[in-house]
Amino acid sequence: MSSVWALCYGCQEPVQTFICIVSALLEAARKINFSDISRQIADGFVSERWDKPILLAWGIQDKYLSQSVAEEFQKGNPDMIKLKLIEGAGHMPQEDWPEKVVDALRLFF
């Protein structure tokens, strides 16, 4: 049993604390403007100041960020950004298919 569940079964106060924390995190997530954040990140990598190669290992089945996001990001600086689409991987390709990510890294370096 995890420590969170141990606290929840222990007494009422930790449960209320846990619910409060989760509620605060959800509220913060609702207020985040992800498209603006993505644009700011992309603008930074597109700028001429960025001269380091980037390997972007992207899960094709990502439920949160579509493949087009990765493709647009790459278009901003195609000489520096190499896109490797990982078949069968979702939002965290390093978790879904670590072998494929390692293979991509080997080819990249």
PDB file of N, CA and C in Angstrom:
ATOM      1  N   MET A   1       0.853  -1.172   0.000  1.00  0.00           N
ATOM      2  CA  MET A   1       0.000   0.000   0.000  1.00  0.00           C
ATOM      3  C   MET A   1       0.901   1.238   0.000  1.00  0.00           C
ATOM      4  N   SER A   2       0.613   2.194  -0.868  1.00  0.00           N
ATOM      5  CA  SER A   2       1.436   3.395  -0.954  1.00  0.00           C
ATOM      6  C   SER A   2       1.229   4.266   0.276  1.00  0.00           C
ATOM      7  N   SER A   3       2.164   5.183   0.505  1.00  0.00           N
ATOM      8  CA  SER A   3       2.058   6.065   1.669  1.00  0.00           C
ATOM      9  C   SER A   3       0.837   6.968   1.562  1.00  0.00           C
ATOM     10  N   VAL A   4       0.442   7.340   0.329  1.00  0.00           N
ATOM     11  CA  VAL A   4      -0.752   8.168   0.173  1.00  0.00           C
ATOM     12  C   VAL A   4      -1.980   7.431   0.670  1.00  0.00           C
ATOM     13  N   TRP A   5      -2.116   6.166   0.251  1.00  0.00           N
ATOM     14  CA  TRP A   5      -3.275   5.397   0.692  1.00  0.00           C
ATOM     15  C   TRP A   5      -3.206   5.105   2.189  1.00  0.00           C
ATOM     16  N   ALA A   6      -2.001   4.905   2.708  1.00  0.00           N
ATOM     17  CA  ALA A   6      -1.868   4.691   4.148  1.00  0.00           C
ATOM     18  C   ALA A   6      -2.362   5.911   4.896  1.00  0.00           C
ATOM     19  N   LEU A   7      -2.029   7.100   4.391  1.00  0.00           N
ATOM     20  CA  LEU A   7      -2.515   8.320   5.027  1.00  0.00           C
ATOM     21  C   LEU A   7      -4.034   8.435   4.910  1.00  0.00           C
ATOM     22  N   CYS A   8      -4.566   8.075   3.737  1.00  0.00           N
ATOM     23  CA  CYS A   8      -6.007   8.177   3.531  1.00  0.00           C
ATOM     24  C   CYS A   8      -6.772   7.261   4.472  1.00  0.00           C
ATOM     25  N   TYR A   9      -6.263   6.067   4.714  1.00  0.00           N
ATOM     26  CA  TYR A   9      -6.948   5.149   5.608  1.00  0.00           C
ATOM     27  C   TYR A   9      -6.673   5.472   7.072  1.00  0.00           C
ATOM     28  N   GLY A  10      -5.594   6.256   7.331  1.00  0.00           N
ATOM     29  CA  GLY A  10      -5.210   6.545   8.712  1.00  0.00           C
ATOM     30  C   GLY A  10      -6.181   7.461   9.441  1.00  0.00           C
ATOM     31  N   CYS A  11      -6.506   8.586   8.846  1.00  0.00           N
ATOM     32  CA  CYS A  11      -7.424   9.530   9.499  1.00  0.00           C
ATOM     33  C   CYS A  11      -7.988  10.487   8.456  1.00  0.00           C
ATOM     34  N   GLN A  12      -8.933  11.281   8.839  1.00  0.00           N
ATOM     35  CA  GLN A  12      -9.644  12.163   7.923  1.00  0.00           C
ATOM     36  C   GLN A  12      -8.790  13.339   7.456  1.00  0.00           C
ATOM     37  N   GLU A  13      -7.971  13.890   8.305  1.00  0.00           N
ATOM     38  CA  GLU A  13      -7.219  15.089   7.950  1.00  0.00           C
ATOM     39  C   GLU A  13      -6.304  14.894   6.750  1.00  0.00           C
ATOM     40  N   PRO A  14      -5.506  13.819   6.686  1.00  0.00           N
ATOM     41  CA  PRO A  14      -4.671  13.635   5.485  1.00  0.00           C
ATOM     42  C   PRO A  14      -5.485  13.507   4.208  1.00  0.00           C
ATOM     43  N   VAL A  15      -6.675  12.933   4.299  1.00  0.00           N
ATOM     44  CA  VAL A  15      -7.529  12.813   3.115  1.00  0.00           C
ATOM     45  C   VAL A  15      -7.909  14.194   2.623  1.00  0.00           C
ATOM     46  N   GLN A  16      -8.298  15.049   3.534  1.00  0.00           N
ATOM     47  CA  GLN A  16      -8.664  16.414   3.151  1.00  0.00           C
ATOM     48  C   GLN A  16      -7.465  17.150   2.563  1.00  0.00           C
ATOM     49  N   THR A  17      -6.295  16.934   3.124  1.00  0.00           N
ATOM     50  CA  THR A  17      -5.076  17.551   2.599  1.00  0.00           C
ATOM     51  C   THR A  17      -4.798  17.044   1.190  1.00  0.00           C
ATOM     52  N   PHE A  18      -4.920  15.749   0.990  1.00  0.00           N
ATOM     53  CA  PHE A  18      -4.694  15.139  -0.312  1.00  0.00           C
ATOM     54  C   PHE A  18      -5.665  15.708  -1.345  1.00  0.00           C
ATOM     55  N   ILE A  19      -6.924  15.783  -1.003  1.00  0.00           N
ATOM     56  CA  ILE A  19      -7.950  16.313  -1.916  1.00  0.00           C
ATOM     57  C   ILE A  19      -7.653  17.765  -2.248  1.00  0.00           C
ATOM     58  N   CYS A  20      -7.227  18.517  -1.266  1.00  0.00           N
ATOM     59  CA  CYS A  20      -6.894  19.921  -1.477  1.00  0.00           C
ATOM     60  C   CYS A  20      -5.726  20.059  -2.456  1.00  0.00           C
ATOM     61  N   ILE A  21      -4.710  19.238  -2.291  1.00  0.00           N
ATOM     62  CA  ILE A  21      -3.538  19.284  -3.174  1.00  0.00           C
ATOM     63  C   ILE A  21      -3.934  18.924  -4.601  1.00  0.00           C
ATOM     64  N   VAL A  22      -4.700  17.853  -4.750  1.00  0.00           N
ATOM     65  CA  VAL A  22      -5.130  17.431  -6.080  1.00  0.00           C
ATOM     66  C   VAL A  22      -5.994  18.514  -6.729  1.00  0.00           C
ATOM     67  N   SER A  23      -6.891  19.103  -5.969  1.00  0.00           N
ATOM     68  CA  SER A  23      -7.748  20.171  -6.499  1.00  0.00           C
ATOM     69  C   SER A  23      -6.923  21.361  -6.968  1.00  0.00           C
ATOM     70  N   ALA A  24      -5.910  21.725  -6.192  1.00  0.00           N
ATOM     71  CA  ALA A  24      -5.050  22.852  -6.561  1.00  0.00           C
ATOM     72  C   ALA A  24      -4.280  22.543  -7.842  1.00  0.00           C
ATOM     73  N   LEU A  25      -3.768  21.323  -7.975  1.00  0.00           N
ATOM     74  CA  LEU A  25      -3.044  20.944  -9.186  1.00  0.00           C
ATOM     75  C   LEU A  25      -3.958  20.967 -10.411  1.00  0.00           C
ATOM     76  N   LEU A  26      -5.162  20.451 -10.262  1.00  0.00           N
ATOM     77  CA  LEU A  26      -6.104  20.457 -11.388  1.00  0.00           C
ATOM     78  C   LEU A  26      -6.473  21.885 -11.790  1.00  0.00           C
ATOM     79  N   GLU A  27      -6.674  22.746 -10.813  1.00  0.00           N
ATOM     80  CA  GLU A  27      -7.005  24.140 -11.108  1.00  0.00           C
ATOM     81  C   GLU A  27      -5.843  24.832 -11.828  1.00  0.00           C
ATOM     82  N   ALA A  28      -4.625  24.577 -11.388  1.00  0.00           N
ATOM     83  CA  ALA A  28      -3.454  25.157 -12.051  1.00  0.00           C
ATOM     84  C   ALA A  28      -3.352  24.654 -13.487  1.00  0.00           C
ATOM     85  N   ALA A  29      -3.591  23.366 -13.705  1.00  0.00           N
ATOM     86  CA  ALA A  29      -3.525  22.788 -15.051  1.00  0.00           C
ATOM     87  C   ALA A  29      -4.574  23.408 -15.968  1.00  0.00           C
ATOM     88  N   ARG A  30      -5.755  23.702 -15.424  1.00  0.00           N
ATOM     89  CA  ARG A  30      -6.817  24.317 -16.234  1.00  0.00           C
ATOM     90  C   ARG A  30      -6.427  25.716 -16.696  1.00  0.00           C
ATOM     91  N   LYS A  31      -5.630  26.420 -15.916  1.00  0.00           N
ATOM     92  CA  LYS A  31      -5.280  27.809 -16.222  1.00  0.00           C
ATOM     93  C   LYS A  31      -4.078  27.934 -17.152  1.00  0.00           C
ATOM     94  N   ILE A  32      -3.360  26.862 -17.380  1.00  0.00           N
ATOM     95  CA  ILE A  32      -2.158  26.929 -18.212  1.00  0.00           C
ATOM     96  C   ILE A  32      -2.554  27.063 -19.677  1.00  0.00           C
ATOM     97  N   ASN A  33      -1.917  27.977 -20.342  1.00  0.00           N
ATOM     98  CA  ASN A  33      -2.130  28.172 -21.775  1.00  0.00           C
ATOM     99  C   ASN A  33      -1.055  27.375 -22.508  1.00  0.00           C
ATOM    100  N   PHE A  34      -1.335  26.103 -22.780  1.00  0.00           N
ATOM    101  CA  PHE A  34      -0.335  25.217 -23.365  1.00  0.00           C
ATOM    102  C   PHE A  34       0.114  25.666 -24.751  1.00  0.00           C
ATOM    103  N   SER A  35      -0.792  26.220 -25.541  1.00  0.00           N
ATOM    104  CA  SER A  35      -0.387  26.639 -26.880  1.00  0.00           C
ATOM    105  C   SER A  35       0.608  27.788 -26.801  1.00  0.00           C
ATOM    106  N   ASP A  36       0.425  28.703 -25.857  1.00  0.00           N
ATOM    107  CA  ASP A  36       1.358  29.805 -25.697  1.00  0.00           C
ATOM    108  C   ASP A  36       2.716  29.300 -25.209  1.00  0.00           C
ATOM    109  N   ILE A  37       2.703  28.358 -24.279  1.00  0.00           N
ATOM    110  CA  ILE A  37       3.955  27.788 -23.774  1.00  0.00           C
ATOM    111  C   ILE A  37       4.689  27.067 -24.902  1.00  0.00           C
ATOM    112  N   SER A  38       3.966  26.274 -25.686  1.00  0.00           N
ATOM    113  CA  SER A  38       4.577  25.565 -26.813  1.00  0.00           C
ATOM    114  C   SER A  38       5.181  26.552 -27.806  1.00  0.00           C
ATOM    115  N   ARG A  39       4.475  27.642 -28.072  1.00  0.00           N
ATOM    116  CA  ARG A  39       4.975  28.648 -29.007  1.00  0.00           C
ATOM    117  C   ARG A  39       6.262  29.281 -28.482  1.00  0.00           C
ATOM    118  N   GLN A  40       6.290  29.598 -27.183  1.00  0.00           N
ATOM    119  CA  GLN A  40       7.491  30.204 -26.596  1.00  0.00           C
ATOM    120  C   GLN A  40       8.688  29.261 -26.682  1.00  0.00           C
ATOM    121  N   ILE A  41       8.451  27.992 -26.406  1.00  0.00           N
ATOM    122  CA  ILE A  41       9.533  27.007 -26.498  1.00  0.00           C
ATOM    123  C   ILE A  41      10.012  26.897 -27.942  1.00  0.00           C
ATOM    124  N   ALA A  42       9.074  26.767 -28.857  1.00  0.00           N
ATOM    125  CA  ALA A  42       9.425  26.636 -30.272  1.00  0.00           C
ATOM    126  C   ALA A  42      10.178  27.868 -30.760  1.00  0.00           C
ATOM    127  N   ASP A  43       9.736  29.054 -30.359  1.00  0.00           N
ATOM    128  CA  ASP A  43      10.419  30.283 -30.766  1.00  0.00           C
ATOM    129  C   ASP A  43      11.875  30.286 -30.298  1.00  0.00           C
ATOM    130  N   GLY A  44      12.101  29.764 -29.114  1.00  0.00           N
ATOM    131  CA  GLY A  44      13.468  29.707 -28.591  1.00  0.00           C
ATOM    132  C   GLY A  44      14.354  28.791 -29.398  1.00  0.00           C
ATOM    133  N   PHE A  45      13.841  27.653 -29.829  1.00  0.00           N
ATOM    134  CA  PHE A  45      14.638  26.709 -30.604  1.00  0.00           C
ATOM    135  C   PHE A  45      14.802  27.141 -32.055  1.00  0.00           C
ATOM    136  N   VAL A  46      13.867  27.927 -32.557  1.00  0.00           N
ATOM    137  CA  VAL A  46      13.938  28.387 -33.939  1.00  0.00           C
ATOM    138  C   VAL A  46      14.939  29.529 -34.078  1.00  0.00           C
ATOM    139  N   SER A  47      15.133  30.252 -33.004  1.00  0.00           N
ATOM    140  CA  SER A  47      16.002  31.427 -33.079  1.00  0.00           C
ATOM    141  C   SER A  47      17.408  31.028 -33.527  1.00  0.00           C
ATOM    142  N   GLU A  48      18.085  31.962 -34.143  1.00  0.00           N
ATOM    143  CA  GLU A  48      19.434  31.705 -34.640  1.00  0.00           C
ATOM    144  C   GLU A  48      20.421  31.469 -33.504  1.00  0.00           C
ATOM    145  N   ARG A  49      20.030  31.815 -32.299  1.00  0.00           N
ATOM    146  CA  ARG A  49      20.909  31.588 -31.153  1.00  0.00           C
ATOM    147  C   ARG A  49      21.049  30.099 -30.847  1.00  0.00           C
ATOM    148  N   TRP A  50      20.070  29.298 -31.271  1.00  0.00           N
ATOM    149  CA  TRP A  50      20.106  27.866 -30.955  1.00  0.00           C
ATOM    150  C   TRP A  50      20.890  27.134 -32.033  1.00  0.00           C
ATOM    151  N   ASP A  51      22.074  26.628 -31.668  1.00  0.00           N
ATOM    152  CA  ASP A  51      22.925  25.973 -32.665  1.00  0.00           C
ATOM    153  C   ASP A  51      23.324  24.565 -32.245  1.00  0.00           C
ATOM    154  N   LYS A  52      22.553  23.954 -31.357  1.00  0.00           N
ATOM    155  CA  LYS A  52      22.823  22.593 -30.889  1.00  0.00           C
ATOM    156  C   LYS A  52      21.826  21.628 -31.524  1.00  0.00           C
ATOM    157  N   PRO A  53      22.290  20.464 -31.955  1.00  0.00           N
ATOM    158  CA  PRO A  53      21.362  19.486 -32.534  1.00  0.00           C
ATOM    159  C   PRO A  53      20.392  18.934 -31.484  1.00  0.00           C
ATOM    160  N   ILE A  54      19.175  18.678 -31.922  1.00  0.00           N
ATOM    161  CA  ILE A  54      18.112  18.166 -31.056  1.00  0.00           C
ATOM    162  C   ILE A  54      17.548  16.903 -31.688  1.00  0.00           C
ATOM    163  N   LEU A  55      17.414  15.859 -30.900  1.00  0.00           N
ATOM    164  CA  LEU A  55      16.677  14.676 -31.335  1.00  0.00           C
ATOM    165  C   LEU A  55      15.320  14.733 -30.661  1.00  0.00           C
ATOM    166  N   LEU A  56      14.282  14.766 -31.452  1.00  0.00           N
ATOM    167  CA  LEU A  56      12.918  14.801 -30.945  1.00  0.00           C
ATOM    168  C   LEU A  56      12.296  13.429 -31.193  1.00  0.00           C
ATOM    169  N   ALA A  57      12.322  12.576 -30.155  1.00  0.00           N
ATOM    170  CA  ALA A  57      11.723  11.239 -30.244  1.00  0.00           C
ATOM    171  C   ALA A  57      10.256  11.382 -29.871  1.00  0.00           C
ATOM    172  N   TRP A  58       9.367  11.117 -30.814  1.00  0.00           N
ATOM    173  CA  TRP A  58       7.937  11.418 -30.641  1.00  0.00           C
ATOM    174  C   TRP A  58       7.105  10.164 -30.818  1.00  0.00           C
ATOM    175  N   GLY A  59       6.258   9.885 -29.838  1.00  0.00           N
ATOM    176  CA  GLY A  59       5.342   8.759 -29.930  1.00  0.00           C
ATOM    177  C   GLY A  59       4.193   9.075 -30.873  1.00  0.00           C
ATOM    178  N   ILE A  60       4.016   8.263 -31.883  1.00  0.00           N
ATOM    179  CA  ILE A  60       2.965   8.505 -32.874  1.00  0.00           C
ATOM    180  C   ILE A  60       1.571   8.439 -32.242  1.00  0.00           C
ATOM    181  N   GLN A  61       1.405   7.605 -31.219  1.00  0.00           N
ATOM    182  CA  GLN A  61       0.103   7.475 -30.574  1.00  0.00           C
ATOM    183  C   GLN A  61      -0.073   8.419 -29.378  1.00  0.00           C
ATOM    184  N   ASP A  62       0.667   9.516 -29.343  1.00  0.00           N
ATOM    185  CA  ASP A  62       0.544  10.495 -28.260  1.00  0.00           C
ATOM    186  C   ASP A  62      -0.881  11.036 -28.233  1.00  0.00           C
ATOM    187  N   LYS A  63      -1.561  10.864 -27.098  1.00  0.00           N
ATOM    188  CA  LYS A  63      -2.951  11.315 -26.954  1.00  0.00           C
ATOM    189  C   LYS A  63      -3.043  12.810 -26.633  1.00  0.00           C
ATOM    190  N   TYR A  64      -1.949  13.390 -26.188  1.00  0.00           N
ATOM    191  CA  TYR A  64      -1.975  14.766 -25.706  1.00  0.00           C
ATOM    192  C   TYR A  64      -1.448  15.769 -26.724  1.00  0.00           C
ATOM    193  N   LEU A  65      -0.409  15.394 -27.448  1.00  0.00           N
ATOM    194  CA  LEU A  65       0.199  16.273 -28.443  1.00  0.00           C
ATOM    195  C   LEU A  65       0.320  15.508 -29.751  1.00  0.00           C
ATOM    196  N   SER A  66      -0.318  16.022 -30.775  1.00  0.00           N
ATOM    197  CA  SER A  66      -0.359  15.301 -32.048  1.00  0.00           C
ATOM    198  C   SER A  66       0.990  15.352 -32.764  1.00  0.00           C
ATOM    199  N   GLN A  67       1.140  14.468 -33.701  1.00  0.00           N
ATOM    200  CA  GLN A  67       2.355  14.387 -34.501  1.00  0.00           C
ATOM    201  C   GLN A  67       2.612  15.710 -35.219  1.00  0.00           C
ATOM    202  N   SER A  68       1.553  16.418 -35.578  1.00  0.00           N
ATOM    203  CA  SER A  68       1.720  17.692 -36.288  1.00  0.00           C
ATOM    204  C   SER A  68       2.464  18.722 -35.431  1.00  0.00           C
ATOM    205  N   VAL A  69       2.328  18.636 -34.107  1.00  0.00           N
ATOM    206  CA  VAL A  69       3.060  19.539 -33.219  1.00  0.00           C
ATOM    207  C   VAL A  69       4.560  19.305 -33.383  1.00  0.00           C
ATOM    208  N   ALA A  70       4.965  18.048 -33.406  1.00  0.00           N
ATOM    209  CA  ALA A  70       6.381  17.708 -33.581  1.00  0.00           C
ATOM    210  C   ALA A  70       6.879  18.155 -34.950  1.00  0.00           C
ATOM    211  N   GLU A  71       6.068  17.950 -35.969  1.00  0.00           N
ATOM    212  CA  GLU A  71       6.462  18.320 -37.323  1.00  0.00           C
ATOM    213  C   GLU A  71       6.620  19.830 -37.461  1.00  0.00           C
ATOM    214  N   GLU A  72       5.713  20.581 -36.857  1.00  0.00           N
ATOM    215  CA  GLU A  72       5.810  22.046 -36.887  1.00  0.00           C
ATOM    216  C   GLU A  72       7.055  22.516 -36.147  1.00  0.00           C
ATOM    217  N   PHE A  73       7.331  21.880 -35.021  1.00  0.00           N
ATOM    218  CA  PHE A  73       8.512  22.221 -34.232  1.00  0.00           C
ATOM    219  C   PHE A  73       9.771  22.001 -35.066  1.00  0.00           C
ATOM    220  N   GLN A  74       9.830  20.884 -35.762  1.00  0.00           N
ATOM    221  CA  GLN A  74      10.986  20.570 -36.593  1.00  0.00           C
ATOM    222  C   GLN A  74      11.131  21.559 -37.743  1.00  0.00           C
ATOM    223  N   LYS A  75      10.028  21.962 -38.339  1.00  0.00           N
ATOM    224  CA  LYS A  75      10.075  22.897 -39.470  1.00  0.00           C
ATOM    225  C   LYS A  75      10.750  24.213 -39.091  1.00  0.00           C
ATOM    226  N   GLY A  76      10.669  24.581 -37.837  1.00  0.00           N
ATOM    227  CA  GLY A  76      11.249  25.842 -37.390  1.00  0.00           C
ATOM    228  C   GLY A  76      12.763  25.886 -37.472  1.00  0.00           C
ATOM    229  N   ASN A  77      13.412  24.737 -37.388  1.00  0.00           N
ATOM    230  CA  ASN A  77      14.873  24.681 -37.426  1.00  0.00           C
ATOM    231  C   ASN A  77      15.291  23.289 -37.923  1.00  0.00           C
ATOM    232  N   PRO A  78      14.985  22.964 -39.179  1.00  0.00           N
ATOM    233  CA  PRO A  78      15.200  21.602 -39.679  1.00  0.00           C
ATOM    234  C   PRO A  78      16.661  21.156 -39.692  1.00  0.00           C
ATOM    235  N   ASP A  79      17.587  22.102 -39.721  1.00  0.00           N
ATOM    236  CA  ASP A  79      19.001  21.724 -39.708  1.00  0.00           C
ATOM    237  C   ASP A  79      19.442  21.219 -38.341  1.00  0.00           C
ATOM    238  N   MET A  80      18.785  21.684 -37.287  1.00  0.00           N
ATOM    239  CA  MET A  80      19.185  21.322 -35.927  1.00  0.00           C
ATOM    240  C   MET A  80      18.261  20.295 -35.275  1.00  0.00           C
ATOM    241  N   ILE A  81      16.998  20.214 -35.719  1.00  0.00           N
ATOM    242  CA  ILE A  81      16.016  19.339 -35.073  1.00  0.00           C
ATOM    243  C   ILE A  81      15.769  18.119 -35.944  1.00  0.00           C
ATOM    244  N   LYS A  82      16.128  16.956 -35.418  1.00  0.00           N
ATOM    245  CA  LYS A  82      15.870  15.686 -36.096  1.00  0.00           C
ATOM    246  C   LYS A  82      14.680  15.026 -35.407  1.00  0.00           C
ATOM    247  N   LEU A  83      13.672  14.687 -36.182  1.00  0.00           N
ATOM    248  CA  LEU A  83      12.451  14.084 -35.652  1.00  0.00           C
ATOM    249  C   LEU A  83      12.470  12.585 -35.894  1.00  0.00           C
ATOM    250  N   LYS A  84      12.313  11.829 -34.839  1.00  0.00           N
ATOM    251  CA  LYS A  84      12.192  10.369 -34.934  1.00  0.00           C
ATOM    252  C   LYS A  84      10.821   9.992 -34.391  1.00  0.00           C
ATOM    253  N   LEU A  85       9.947   9.539 -35.272  1.00  0.00           N
ATOM    254  CA  LEU A  85       8.606   9.109 -34.861  1.00  0.00           C
ATOM    255  C   LEU A  85       8.691   7.656 -34.401  1.00  0.00           C
ATOM    256  N   ILE A  86       8.161   7.404 -33.213  1.00  0.00           N
ATOM    257  CA  ILE A  86       8.228   6.070 -32.618  1.00  0.00           C
ATOM    258  C   ILE A  86       6.859   5.405 -32.737  1.00  0.00           C
ATOM    259  N   GLU A  87       6.788   4.409 -33.593  1.00  0.00           N
ATOM    260  CA  GLU A  87       5.552   3.639 -33.797  1.00  0.00           C
ATOM    261  C   GLU A  87       5.199   2.873 -32.523  1.00  0.00           C
ATOM    262  N   GLY A  88       3.931   2.900 -32.156  1.00  0.00           N
ATOM    263  CA  GLY A  88       3.457   2.152 -30.992  1.00  0.00           C
ATOM    264  C   GLY A  88       3.695   2.843 -29.666  1.00  0.00           C
ATOM    265  N   ALA A  89       4.259   4.044 -29.697  1.00  0.00           N
ATOM    266  CA  ALA A  89       4.530   4.775 -28.454  1.00  0.00           C
ATOM    267  C   ALA A  89       3.558   5.941 -28.313  1.00  0.00           C
ATOM    268  N   GLY A  90       3.273   6.273 -27.068  1.00  0.00           N
ATOM    269  CA  GLY A  90       2.385   7.383 -26.776  1.00  0.00           C
ATOM    270  C   GLY A  90       3.153   8.613 -26.338  1.00  0.00           C
ATOM    271  N   HIS A  91       2.633   9.284 -25.318  1.00  0.00           N
ATOM    272  CA  HIS A  91       3.175  10.561 -24.853  1.00  0.00           C
ATOM    273  C   HIS A  91       4.587  10.428 -24.280  1.00  0.00           C
ATOM    274  N   MET A  92       4.918   9.266 -23.773  1.00  0.00           N
ATOM    275  CA  MET A  92       6.240   9.053 -23.182  1.00  0.00           C
ATOM    276  C   MET A  92       6.922   7.876 -23.878  1.00  0.00           C
ATOM    277  N   PRO A  93       7.477   8.105 -25.059  1.00  0.00           N
ATOM    278  CA  PRO A  93       8.072   7.002 -25.816  1.00  0.00           C
ATOM    279  C   PRO A  93       9.183   6.285 -25.058  1.00  0.00           C
ATOM    280  N   GLN A  94       9.887   7.010 -24.199  1.00  0.00           N
ATOM    281  CA  GLN A  94      10.966   6.376 -23.422  1.00  0.00           C
ATOM    282  C   GLN A  94      10.411   5.338 -22.453  1.00  0.00           C
ATOM    283  N   GLU A  95       9.148   5.447 -22.090  1.00  0.00           N
ATOM    284  CA  GLU A  95       8.494   4.460 -21.229  1.00  0.00           C
ATOM    285  C   GLU A  95       7.863   3.341 -22.054  1.00  0.00           C
ATOM    286  N   ASP A  96       7.237   3.718 -23.178  1.00  0.00           N
ATOM    287  CA  ASP A  96       6.528   2.741 -24.008  1.00  0.00           C
ATOM    288  C   ASP A  96       7.476   1.838 -24.790  1.00  0.00           C
ATOM    289  N   TRP A  97       8.483   2.420 -25.408  1.00  0.00           N
ATOM    290  CA  TRP A  97       9.434   1.680 -26.245  1.00  0.00           C
ATOM    291  C   TRP A  97      10.849   2.176 -25.999  1.00  0.00           C
ATOM    292  N   PRO A  98      11.414   1.906 -24.840  1.00  0.00           N
ATOM    293  CA  PRO A  98      12.773   2.405 -24.559  1.00  0.00           C
ATOM    294  C   PRO A  98      13.805   1.901 -25.560  1.00  0.00           C
ATOM    295  N   GLU A  99      13.616   0.699 -26.074  1.00  0.00           N
ATOM    296  CA  GLU A  99      14.572   0.153 -27.037  1.00  0.00           C
ATOM    297  C   GLU A  99      14.618   1.003 -28.299  1.00  0.00           C
ATOM    298  N   LYS A 100      13.448   1.435 -28.771  1.00  0.00           N
ATOM    299  CA  LYS A 100      13.389   2.251 -29.979  1.00  0.00           C
ATOM    300  C   LYS A 100      14.001   3.636 -29.738  1.00  0.00           C
ATOM    301  N   VAL A 101      13.804   4.169 -28.558  1.00  0.00           N
ATOM    302  CA  VAL A 101      14.393   5.466 -28.235  1.00  0.00           C
ATOM    303  C   VAL A 101      15.910   5.345 -28.159  1.00  0.00           C
ATOM    304  N   VAL A 102      16.405   4.271 -27.553  1.00  0.00           N
ATOM    305  CA  VAL A 102      17.856   4.055 -27.474  1.00  0.00           C
ATOM    306  C   VAL A 102      18.429   3.896 -28.882  1.00  0.00           C
ATOM    307  N   ASP A 103      17.745   3.155 -29.742  1.00  0.00           N
ATOM    308  CA  ASP A 103      18.213   3.002 -31.126  1.00  0.00           C
ATOM    309  C   ASP A 103      18.295   4.368 -31.830  1.00  0.00           C
ATOM    310  N   ALA A 104      17.275   5.201 -31.620  1.00  0.00           N
ATOM    311  CA  ALA A 104      17.270   6.542 -32.215  1.00  0.00           C
ATOM    312  C   ALA A 104      18.442   7.377 -31.684  1.00  0.00           C
ATOM    313  N   LEU A 105      18.706   7.256 -30.389  1.00  0.00           N
ATOM    314  CA  LEU A 105      19.826   7.993 -29.798  1.00  0.00           C
ATOM    315  C   LEU A 105      21.163   7.525 -30.356  1.00  0.00           C
ATOM    316  N   ARG A 106      21.305   6.224 -30.541  1.00  0.00           N
ATOM    317  CA  ARG A 106      22.563   5.676 -31.097  1.00  0.00           C
ATOM    318  C   ARG A 106      22.813   6.246 -32.504  1.00  0.00           C
ATOM    319  N   LEU A 107      21.766   6.297 -33.321  1.00  0.00           N
ATOM    320  CA  LEU A 107      21.908   6.831 -34.674  1.00  0.00           C
ATOM    321  C   LEU A 107      22.174   8.337 -34.654  1.00  0.00           C
ATOM    322  N   PHE A 108      21.590   9.005 -33.679  1.00  0.00           N
ATOM    323  CA  PHE A 108      21.727  10.461 -33.566  1.00  0.00           C
ATOM    324  C   PHE A 108      23.157  10.850 -33.213  1.00  0.00           C
ATOM    325  N   PHE A 109      23.745  10.091 -32.288  1.00  0.00           N
ATOM    326  CA  PHE A 109      25.099  10.421 -31.838  1.00  0.00           C
ATOM    327  C   PHE A 109      26.118   9.669 -32.660  1.00  0.00           C
TER     328      PHE A 109
END
